[in-house]
Amino acid sequence: MNPQDPLSQLRDIHLPETGGFWPPAPGWWMLAVLVIAALAALIWLILKRRKRNRWLRSARAQLARLEGSASSDPAWFAQLNTLLKQAARERYPDQHPEALTGDAWVNFLLSTAPRDRVASRPVAEALVQSAWRPTVSAEPAEALAFARLWLGGQKC
């Protein structure tokens, strides 16, 4: 090394140290905030939907219990009719279906049923009439099938 030569005193070019992964760039922070917000919104929507459909899960569970104790007894048909009225009150609160009786109740059930309205009329009429008549005119299996069809078509 020559002390008179200033170029000989220079060192080689040194690259700077790599920045590492922390702290992340501002774009990553924004992406993280967006992902967290989207997850929070998704969880909120799922919980809201579950809460809104709680009545439907409860009605289906009650229908399963009634299916286990199916009989040609007017009291059983009254319980099934009560279950359908409770579900209708939850789903259609503005129409006050719990106050309907007889043909008005049958027409309401058929108008809110998802399909096979004409074919279901005799079953729905027999279901409603069997709840208060001493002799049952409906088959429990048909009544359960109609109730399952009616509850299955209820969406919130």
N, C-alpha and C. Protein backbone atom coordinates (compact mmCIF):
# COMPACT_ATOMS: atom_id res chain seq x y z
N MET A 1 0.82 -1.16 0.00
CA MET A 1 0.00 0.00 0.00
C MET A 1 0.88 1.24 0.00
N ASN A 2 0.58 2.07 -0.90
CA ASN A 2 1.35 3.28 -1.05
C ASN A 2 0.58 4.42 -0.37
N PRO A 3 1.19 5.07 0.65
CA PRO A 3 0.47 6.15 1.34
C PRO A 3 0.25 7.35 0.44
N GLN A 4 1.02 7.47 -0.62
CA GLN A 4 0.85 8.60 -1.51
C GLN A 4 -0.31 8.40 -2.49
N ASP A 5 -0.68 7.18 -2.69
CA ASP A 5 -1.74 6.88 -3.66
C ASP A 5 -3.10 6.81 -2.92
N PRO A 6 -3.99 7.80 -3.11
CA PRO A 6 -5.26 7.81 -2.37
C PRO A 6 -6.18 6.67 -2.81
N LEU A 7 -6.04 6.20 -4.04
CA LEU A 7 -6.91 5.11 -4.49
C LEU A 7 -6.59 3.80 -3.78
N SER A 8 -5.43 3.64 -3.35
CA SER A 8 -5.07 2.40 -2.68
C SER A 8 -5.67 2.35 -1.28
N GLN A 9 -6.11 3.46 -0.77
CA GLN A 9 -6.70 3.49 0.57
C GLN A 9 -8.20 3.18 0.54
N LEU A 10 -8.81 3.13 -0.61
CA LEU A 10 -10.25 2.82 -0.72
C LEU A 10 -10.48 1.33 -0.48
N ARG A 11 -11.62 1.05 0.12
CA ARG A 11 -12.01 -0.35 0.32
C ARG A 11 -12.98 -0.75 -0.78
N ASP A 12 -13.21 -2.06 -0.89
CA ASP A 12 -14.16 -2.55 -1.88
C ASP A 12 -15.57 -2.07 -1.55
N ILE A 13 -16.44 -2.13 -2.56
CA ILE A 13 -17.84 -1.75 -2.37
C ILE A 13 -18.50 -2.80 -1.49
N HIS A 14 -19.18 -2.32 -0.47
CA HIS A 14 -19.91 -3.21 0.43
C HIS A 14 -21.40 -2.99 0.20
N LEU A 15 -22.12 -4.08 -0.07
CA LEU A 15 -23.57 -3.98 -0.22
C LEU A 15 -24.21 -3.81 1.15
N PRO A 16 -25.32 -3.08 1.20
CA PRO A 16 -25.98 -2.91 2.50
C PRO A 16 -26.58 -4.24 2.97
N GLU A 17 -26.80 -4.33 4.26
CA GLU A 17 -27.42 -5.52 4.83
C GLU A 17 -28.86 -5.63 4.31
N THR A 18 -29.33 -6.85 4.16
CA THR A 18 -30.72 -7.03 3.72
C THR A 18 -31.64 -6.56 4.84
N GLY A 19 -32.80 -6.07 4.45
CA GLY A 19 -33.72 -5.49 5.42
C GLY A 19 -34.40 -6.51 6.31
N GLY A 20 -34.48 -7.76 5.92
CA GLY A 20 -35.19 -8.76 6.72
C GLY A 20 -36.69 -8.69 6.44
N PHE A 21 -37.44 -9.46 7.19
CA PHE A 21 -38.87 -9.49 6.92
C PHE A 21 -39.65 -8.55 7.85
N TRP A 22 -39.03 -8.02 8.87
CA TRP A 22 -39.75 -7.15 9.80
C TRP A 22 -39.10 -5.81 9.86
N PRO A 23 -39.78 -4.78 9.86
CA PRO A 23 -41.22 -4.58 9.72
C PRO A 23 -41.64 -4.68 8.26
N PRO A 24 -42.84 -5.17 8.03
CA PRO A 24 -43.29 -5.31 6.65
C PRO A 24 -43.56 -3.95 6.00
N ALA A 25 -43.60 -3.97 4.71
CA ALA A 25 -43.87 -2.76 3.96
C ALA A 25 -45.33 -2.34 4.18
N PRO A 26 -45.66 -1.07 3.95
CA PRO A 26 -47.03 -0.59 4.18
C PRO A 26 -48.08 -1.37 3.37
N GLY A 27 -47.74 -1.85 2.21
CA GLY A 27 -48.70 -2.63 1.42
C GLY A 27 -49.12 -3.91 2.12
N TRP A 28 -48.18 -4.55 2.81
CA TRP A 28 -48.51 -5.77 3.56
C TRP A 28 -49.41 -5.45 4.75
N TRP A 29 -49.19 -4.31 5.38
CA TRP A 29 -50.05 -3.90 6.49
C TRP A 29 -51.48 -3.69 6.00
N MET A 30 -51.62 -3.03 4.85
CA MET A 30 -52.96 -2.79 4.29
C MET A 30 -53.63 -4.11 3.92
N LEU A 31 -52.86 -5.03 3.35
CA LEU A 31 -53.42 -6.33 3.00
C LEU A 31 -53.86 -7.08 4.25
N ALA A 32 -53.08 -7.02 5.30
CA ALA A 32 -53.44 -7.69 6.55
C ALA A 32 -54.73 -7.10 7.13
N VAL A 33 -54.86 -5.79 7.10
CA VAL A 33 -56.07 -5.14 7.61
C VAL A 33 -57.28 -5.56 6.77
N LEU A 34 -57.13 -5.61 5.46
CA LEU A 34 -58.24 -6.01 4.59
C LEU A 34 -58.65 -7.46 4.84
N VAL A 35 -57.67 -8.34 5.00
CA VAL A 35 -57.97 -9.75 5.26
C VAL A 35 -58.68 -9.90 6.60
N ILE A 36 -58.21 -9.21 7.62
CA ILE A 36 -58.85 -9.29 8.94
C ILE A 36 -60.28 -8.73 8.88
N ALA A 37 -60.47 -7.63 8.17
CA ALA A 37 -61.81 -7.05 8.03
C ALA A 37 -62.74 -8.00 7.27
N ALA A 38 -62.23 -8.63 6.22
CA ALA A 38 -63.05 -9.57 5.46
C ALA A 38 -63.43 -10.78 6.31
N LEU A 39 -62.50 -11.30 7.09
CA LEU A 39 -62.80 -12.43 7.98
C LEU A 39 -63.82 -12.05 9.04
N ALA A 40 -63.67 -10.86 9.61
CA ALA A 40 -64.62 -10.40 10.62
C ALA A 40 -66.02 -10.25 10.01
N ALA A 41 -66.11 -9.71 8.81
CA ALA A 41 -67.40 -9.56 8.15
C ALA A 41 -68.02 -10.92 7.84
N LEU A 42 -67.21 -11.86 7.39
CA LEU A 42 -67.70 -13.20 7.09
C LEU A 42 -68.22 -13.90 8.35
N ILE A 43 -67.48 -13.81 9.42
CA ILE A 43 -67.92 -14.41 10.69
C ILE A 43 -69.20 -13.76 11.17
N TRP A 44 -69.29 -12.44 11.06
CA TRP A 44 -70.50 -11.73 11.48
C TRP A 44 -71.71 -12.18 10.66
N LEU A 45 -71.54 -12.33 9.35
CA LEU A 45 -72.64 -12.77 8.49
C LEU A 45 -73.08 -14.19 8.81
N ILE A 46 -72.11 -15.06 9.07
CA ILE A 46 -72.45 -16.45 9.40
C ILE A 46 -73.21 -16.51 10.72
N LEU A 47 -72.75 -15.78 11.72
CA LEU A 47 -73.45 -15.77 13.01
C LEU A 47 -74.84 -15.17 12.90
N LYS A 48 -74.97 -14.14 12.10
CA LYS A 48 -76.28 -13.50 11.90
C LYS A 48 -77.24 -14.47 11.23
N ARG A 49 -76.76 -15.20 10.24
CA ARG A 49 -77.61 -16.16 9.55
C ARG A 49 -78.01 -17.30 10.47
N ARG A 50 -77.06 -17.78 11.27
CA ARG A 50 -77.37 -18.86 12.22
C ARG A 50 -78.43 -18.41 13.22
N LYS A 51 -78.31 -17.18 13.69
CA LYS A 51 -79.29 -16.67 14.65
C LYS A 51 -80.66 -16.53 13.98
N ARG A 52 -80.66 -16.07 12.75
CA ARG A 52 -81.91 -15.86 12.04
C ARG A 52 -82.60 -17.20 11.73
N ASN A 53 -81.84 -18.27 11.55
CA ASN A 53 -82.40 -19.58 11.21
C ASN A 53 -82.53 -20.51 12.40
N ARG A 54 -82.37 -19.99 13.60
CA ARG A 54 -82.48 -20.82 14.80
C ARG A 54 -83.86 -21.46 14.90
N TRP A 55 -84.90 -20.71 14.55
CA TRP A 55 -86.27 -21.23 14.62
C TRP A 55 -86.45 -22.43 13.69
N LEU A 56 -85.79 -22.40 12.54
CA LEU A 56 -85.93 -23.49 11.58
C LEU A 56 -85.25 -24.75 12.10
N ARG A 57 -84.10 -24.61 12.69
CA ARG A 57 -83.42 -25.78 13.28
C ARG A 57 -84.26 -26.36 14.42
N SER A 58 -84.83 -25.48 15.23
CA SER A 58 -85.67 -25.94 16.33
C SER A 58 -86.92 -26.64 15.81
N ALA A 59 -87.54 -26.09 14.77
CA ALA A 59 -88.74 -26.71 14.21
C ALA A 59 -88.42 -28.08 13.61
N ARG A 60 -87.29 -28.19 12.95
CA ARG A 60 -86.91 -29.50 12.37
C ARG A 60 -86.63 -30.52 13.47
N ALA A 61 -86.05 -30.07 14.58
CA ALA A 61 -85.80 -30.99 15.69
C ALA A 61 -87.12 -31.45 16.31
N GLN A 62 -88.06 -30.52 16.47
CA GLN A 62 -89.37 -30.89 17.01
C GLN A 62 -90.10 -31.83 16.06
N LEU A 63 -89.96 -31.60 14.76
CA LEU A 63 -90.58 -32.48 13.78
C LEU A 63 -89.99 -33.89 13.88
N ALA A 64 -88.70 -33.99 14.10
CA ALA A 64 -88.07 -35.30 14.27
C ALA A 64 -88.61 -36.01 15.52
N ARG A 65 -88.83 -35.25 16.60
CA ARG A 65 -89.41 -35.85 17.81
C ARG A 65 -90.84 -36.31 17.55
N LEU A 66 -91.60 -35.49 16.83
CA LEU A 66 -92.98 -35.90 16.51
C LEU A 66 -92.98 -37.12 15.59
N GLU A 67 -92.01 -37.21 14.73
CA GLU A 67 -91.92 -38.36 13.83
C GLU A 67 -91.70 -39.65 14.63
N GLY A 68 -90.96 -39.54 15.71
CA GLY A 68 -90.72 -40.71 16.55
C GLY A 68 -91.94 -41.15 17.31
N SER A 69 -92.87 -40.25 17.56
CA SER A 69 -94.08 -40.61 18.30
C SER A 69 -95.33 -40.51 17.43
N ALA A 70 -95.18 -40.73 16.14
CA ALA A 70 -96.31 -40.59 15.21
C ALA A 70 -97.43 -41.57 15.57
N SER A 71 -98.66 -41.04 15.57
CA SER A 71 -99.83 -41.88 15.85
C SER A 71 -101.05 -41.25 15.20
N SER A 72 -102.10 -42.02 15.11
CA SER A 72 -103.35 -41.53 14.53
C SER A 72 -104.24 -40.97 15.63
N ASP A 73 -103.67 -40.14 16.44
CA ASP A 73 -104.37 -39.52 17.57
C ASP A 73 -104.58 -38.04 17.27
N PRO A 74 -105.76 -37.49 17.51
CA PRO A 74 -105.97 -36.06 17.25
C PRO A 74 -104.99 -35.16 18.02
N ALA A 75 -104.56 -35.59 19.20
CA ALA A 75 -103.61 -34.79 19.97
C ALA A 75 -102.27 -34.69 19.25
N TRP A 76 -101.86 -35.77 18.59
CA TRP A 76 -100.61 -35.75 17.84
C TRP A 76 -100.71 -34.78 16.67
N PHE A 77 -101.84 -34.81 15.97
CA PHE A 77 -102.04 -33.88 14.86
C PHE A 77 -102.11 -32.44 15.36
N ALA A 78 -102.67 -32.24 16.56
CA ALA A 78 -102.70 -30.89 17.14
C ALA A 78 -101.28 -30.41 17.42
N GLN A 79 -100.41 -31.30 17.89
CA GLN A 79 -99.02 -30.92 18.14
C GLN A 79 -98.32 -30.56 16.83
N LEU A 80 -98.56 -31.34 15.78
CA LEU A 80 -97.96 -31.06 14.49
C LEU A 80 -98.47 -29.73 13.94
N ASN A 81 -99.76 -29.49 14.10
CA ASN A 81 -100.35 -28.23 13.66
C ASN A 81 -99.76 -27.05 14.44
N THR A 82 -99.57 -27.23 15.74
CA THR A 82 -98.97 -26.19 16.58
C THR A 82 -97.54 -25.89 16.14
N LEU A 83 -96.80 -26.94 15.83
CA LEU A 83 -95.43 -26.77 15.34
C LEU A 83 -95.41 -25.95 14.06
N LEU A 84 -96.30 -26.27 13.13
CA LEU A 84 -96.35 -25.52 11.87
C LEU A 84 -96.76 -24.07 12.10
N LYS A 85 -97.67 -23.83 13.05
CA LYS A 85 -98.07 -22.44 13.34
C LYS A 85 -96.93 -21.66 13.97
N GLN A 86 -96.19 -22.29 14.85
CA GLN A 86 -95.05 -21.61 15.47
C GLN A 86 -94.00 -21.26 14.41
N ALA A 87 -93.73 -22.19 13.52
CA ALA A 87 -92.76 -21.93 12.45
C ALA A 87 -93.28 -20.84 11.52
N ALA A 88 -94.56 -20.86 11.22
CA ALA A 88 -95.14 -19.84 10.34
C ALA A 88 -95.09 -18.47 11.01
N ARG A 89 -95.31 -18.42 12.31
CA ARG A 89 -95.24 -17.14 13.03
C ARG A 89 -93.84 -16.55 12.98
N GLU A 90 -92.83 -17.41 13.07
CA GLU A 90 -91.45 -16.93 12.99
C GLU A 90 -91.08 -16.48 11.58
N ARG A 91 -91.53 -17.22 10.58
CA ARG A 91 -91.15 -16.92 9.20
C ARG A 91 -91.95 -15.78 8.60
N TYR A 92 -93.23 -15.70 8.92
CA TYR A 92 -94.12 -14.69 8.34
C TYR A 92 -94.80 -13.88 9.45
N PRO A 93 -94.05 -13.11 10.23
CA PRO A 93 -94.66 -12.41 11.37
C PRO A 93 -95.67 -11.32 10.96
N ASP A 94 -95.50 -10.73 9.79
CA ASP A 94 -96.41 -9.67 9.37
C ASP A 94 -97.78 -10.18 8.95
N GLN A 95 -97.87 -11.46 8.60
CA GLN A 95 -99.14 -12.02 8.14
C GLN A 95 -99.97 -12.62 9.27
N HIS A 96 -99.42 -12.71 10.47
CA HIS A 96 -100.10 -13.25 11.66
C HIS A 96 -100.75 -14.60 11.39
N PRO A 97 -99.98 -15.59 10.96
CA PRO A 97 -100.57 -16.89 10.64
C PRO A 97 -101.08 -17.65 11.86
N GLU A 98 -100.62 -17.29 13.05
CA GLU A 98 -101.07 -18.00 14.25
C GLU A 98 -102.55 -17.79 14.52
N ALA A 99 -103.14 -16.75 13.93
CA ALA A 99 -104.56 -16.47 14.13
C ALA A 99 -105.44 -17.17 13.11
N LEU A 100 -104.84 -17.79 12.11
CA LEU A 100 -105.62 -18.44 11.06
C LEU A 100 -106.12 -19.80 11.51
N THR A 101 -107.32 -20.16 11.05
CA THR A 101 -107.89 -21.47 11.35
C THR A 101 -108.60 -21.98 10.11
N GLY A 102 -108.88 -23.27 10.11
CA GLY A 102 -109.68 -23.87 9.05
C GLY A 102 -109.10 -23.68 7.66
N ASP A 103 -109.98 -23.28 6.73
CA ASP A 103 -109.58 -23.13 5.34
C ASP A 103 -108.54 -22.02 5.15
N ALA A 104 -108.63 -20.98 5.95
CA ALA A 104 -107.64 -19.90 5.84
C ALA A 104 -106.25 -20.42 6.19
N TRP A 105 -106.15 -21.27 7.20
CA TRP A 105 -104.86 -21.85 7.59
C TRP A 105 -104.36 -22.81 6.50
N VAL A 106 -105.26 -23.61 5.94
CA VAL A 106 -104.88 -24.53 4.86
C VAL A 106 -104.38 -23.72 3.66
N ASN A 107 -105.11 -22.66 3.29
CA ASN A 107 -104.69 -21.84 2.14
C ASN A 107 -103.34 -21.17 2.40
N PHE A 108 -103.12 -20.75 3.64
CA PHE A 108 -101.83 -20.15 3.99
C PHE A 108 -100.71 -21.18 3.83
N LEU A 109 -100.93 -22.38 4.36
CA LEU A 109 -99.91 -23.43 4.25
C LEU A 109 -99.61 -23.74 2.79
N LEU A 110 -100.65 -23.82 1.99
CA LEU A 110 -100.44 -24.16 0.57
C LEU A 110 -99.80 -23.00 -0.19
N SER A 111 -100.15 -21.77 0.17
CA SER A 111 -99.56 -20.63 -0.56
C SER A 111 -98.09 -20.43 -0.21
N THR A 112 -97.68 -20.88 0.95
CA THR A 112 -96.28 -20.73 1.35
C THR A 112 -95.47 -22.01 1.16
N ALA A 113 -96.13 -23.08 0.72
CA ALA A 113 -95.42 -24.34 0.45
C ALA A 113 -94.57 -24.16 -0.80
N PRO A 114 -93.42 -24.82 -0.87
CA PRO A 114 -92.51 -24.61 -2.00
C PRO A 114 -92.98 -25.21 -3.32
N ARG A 115 -93.69 -26.34 -3.30
CA ARG A 115 -94.10 -26.97 -4.56
C ARG A 115 -95.26 -27.93 -4.29
N ASP A 116 -95.81 -28.50 -5.34
CA ASP A 116 -96.90 -29.49 -5.25
C ASP A 116 -98.09 -28.96 -4.45
N ARG A 117 -98.48 -27.72 -4.71
CA ARG A 117 -99.57 -27.13 -3.93
C ARG A 117 -100.89 -27.85 -4.17
N VAL A 118 -101.20 -28.17 -5.41
CA VAL A 118 -102.48 -28.80 -5.71
C VAL A 118 -102.51 -30.21 -5.14
N ALA A 119 -101.43 -30.95 -5.29
CA ALA A 119 -101.38 -32.32 -4.79
C ALA A 119 -101.38 -32.36 -3.27
N SER A 120 -100.93 -31.31 -2.63
CA SER A 120 -100.84 -31.29 -1.17
C SER A 120 -102.13 -30.84 -0.50
N ARG A 121 -103.08 -30.31 -1.26
CA ARG A 121 -104.31 -29.78 -0.65
C ARG A 121 -105.04 -30.82 0.19
N PRO A 122 -105.30 -32.05 -0.30
CA PRO A 122 -106.02 -33.00 0.55
C PRO A 122 -105.26 -33.34 1.83
N VAL A 123 -103.96 -33.44 1.73
CA VAL A 123 -103.15 -33.76 2.92
C VAL A 123 -103.20 -32.61 3.92
N ALA A 124 -103.06 -31.38 3.43
CA ALA A 124 -103.09 -30.22 4.33
C ALA A 124 -104.47 -30.08 4.98
N GLU A 125 -105.53 -30.28 4.21
CA GLU A 125 -106.87 -30.20 4.79
C GLU A 125 -107.08 -31.28 5.85
N ALA A 126 -106.64 -32.49 5.54
CA ALA A 126 -106.78 -33.59 6.51
C ALA A 126 -105.93 -33.33 7.75
N LEU A 127 -104.76 -32.76 7.57
CA LEU A 127 -103.89 -32.44 8.71
C LEU A 127 -104.57 -31.44 9.64
N VAL A 128 -105.13 -30.40 9.08
CA VAL A 128 -105.77 -29.36 9.89
C VAL A 128 -107.04 -29.90 10.54
N GLN A 129 -107.84 -30.64 9.80
CA GLN A 129 -109.10 -31.15 10.35
C GLN A 129 -108.87 -32.24 11.38
N SER A 130 -107.82 -33.02 11.23
CA SER A 130 -107.55 -34.11 12.17
C SER A 130 -107.12 -33.59 13.53
N ALA A 131 -106.73 -32.34 13.61
CA ALA A 131 -106.28 -31.78 14.88
C ALA A 131 -107.44 -31.52 15.83
N TRP A 132 -108.64 -31.35 15.30
CA TRP A 132 -109.76 -31.01 16.18
C TRP A 132 -110.96 -31.93 16.05
N ARG A 133 -110.94 -32.85 15.12
CA ARG A 133 -112.04 -33.81 14.98
C ARG A 133 -111.73 -35.08 15.79
N PRO A 134 -112.76 -35.73 16.28
CA PRO A 134 -112.50 -36.94 17.06
C PRO A 134 -111.97 -38.10 16.23
N THR A 135 -112.35 -38.14 14.95
CA THR A 135 -111.81 -39.19 14.08
C THR A 135 -110.79 -38.58 13.13
N VAL A 136 -109.69 -39.25 13.02
CA VAL A 136 -108.58 -38.75 12.22
C VAL A 136 -108.80 -39.16 10.77
N SER A 137 -108.63 -38.20 9.85
CA SER A 137 -108.82 -38.50 8.43
C SER A 137 -107.50 -38.45 7.65
N ALA A 138 -106.40 -38.30 8.34
CA ALA A 138 -105.10 -38.20 7.67
C ALA A 138 -104.17 -39.29 8.16
N GLU A 139 -103.27 -39.65 7.32
CA GLU A 139 -102.22 -40.60 7.69
C GLU A 139 -101.06 -39.81 8.31
N PRO A 140 -100.52 -40.26 9.44
CA PRO A 140 -99.40 -39.54 10.03
C PRO A 140 -98.19 -39.42 9.10
N ALA A 141 -97.94 -40.44 8.30
CA ALA A 141 -96.79 -40.40 7.38
C ALA A 141 -96.97 -39.30 6.34
N GLU A 142 -98.19 -39.17 5.81
CA GLU A 142 -98.46 -38.11 4.82
C GLU A 142 -98.37 -36.73 5.46
N ALA A 143 -98.89 -36.62 6.67
CA ALA A 143 -98.83 -35.33 7.37
C ALA A 143 -97.37 -34.94 7.66
N LEU A 144 -96.58 -35.92 8.07
CA LEU A 144 -95.16 -35.65 8.31
C LEU A 144 -94.45 -35.27 7.03
N ALA A 145 -94.79 -35.93 5.93
CA ALA A 145 -94.16 -35.60 4.64
C ALA A 145 -94.51 -34.18 4.23
N PHE A 146 -95.78 -33.79 4.43
CA PHE A 146 -96.17 -32.42 4.10
C PHE A 146 -95.44 -31.42 4.99
N ALA A 147 -95.37 -31.70 6.29
CA ALA A 147 -94.69 -30.78 7.22
C ALA A 147 -93.21 -30.67 6.86
N ARG A 148 -92.59 -31.79 6.51
CA ARG A 148 -91.19 -31.77 6.12
C ARG A 148 -91.00 -30.96 4.84
N LEU A 149 -91.94 -31.13 3.89
CA LEU A 149 -91.90 -30.36 2.65
C LEU A 149 -92.07 -28.87 2.93
N TRP A 150 -93.01 -28.55 3.80
CA TRP A 150 -93.28 -27.14 4.10
C TRP A 150 -92.09 -26.51 4.84
N LEU A 151 -91.54 -27.22 5.82
CA LEU A 151 -90.40 -26.67 6.55
C LEU A 151 -89.15 -26.65 5.67
N GLY A 152 -89.01 -27.61 4.79
CA GLY A 152 -87.85 -27.67 3.92
C GLY A 152 -87.80 -26.53 2.94
N GLY A 153 -88.94 -25.98 2.60
CA GLY A 153 -88.98 -24.87 1.66
C GLY A 153 -88.81 -23.52 2.31
N GLN A 154 -88.72 -23.48 3.62
CA GLN A 154 -88.59 -22.20 4.32
C GLN A 154 -87.14 -21.75 4.32
N LYS A 155 -86.89 -20.62 3.70
CA LYS A 155 -85.54 -20.06 3.65
C LYS A 155 -85.58 -18.66 4.25
N CYS A 156 -84.48 -18.34 4.89
CA CYS A 156 -84.37 -16.99 5.44
C CYS A 156 -83.17 -16.30 4.86
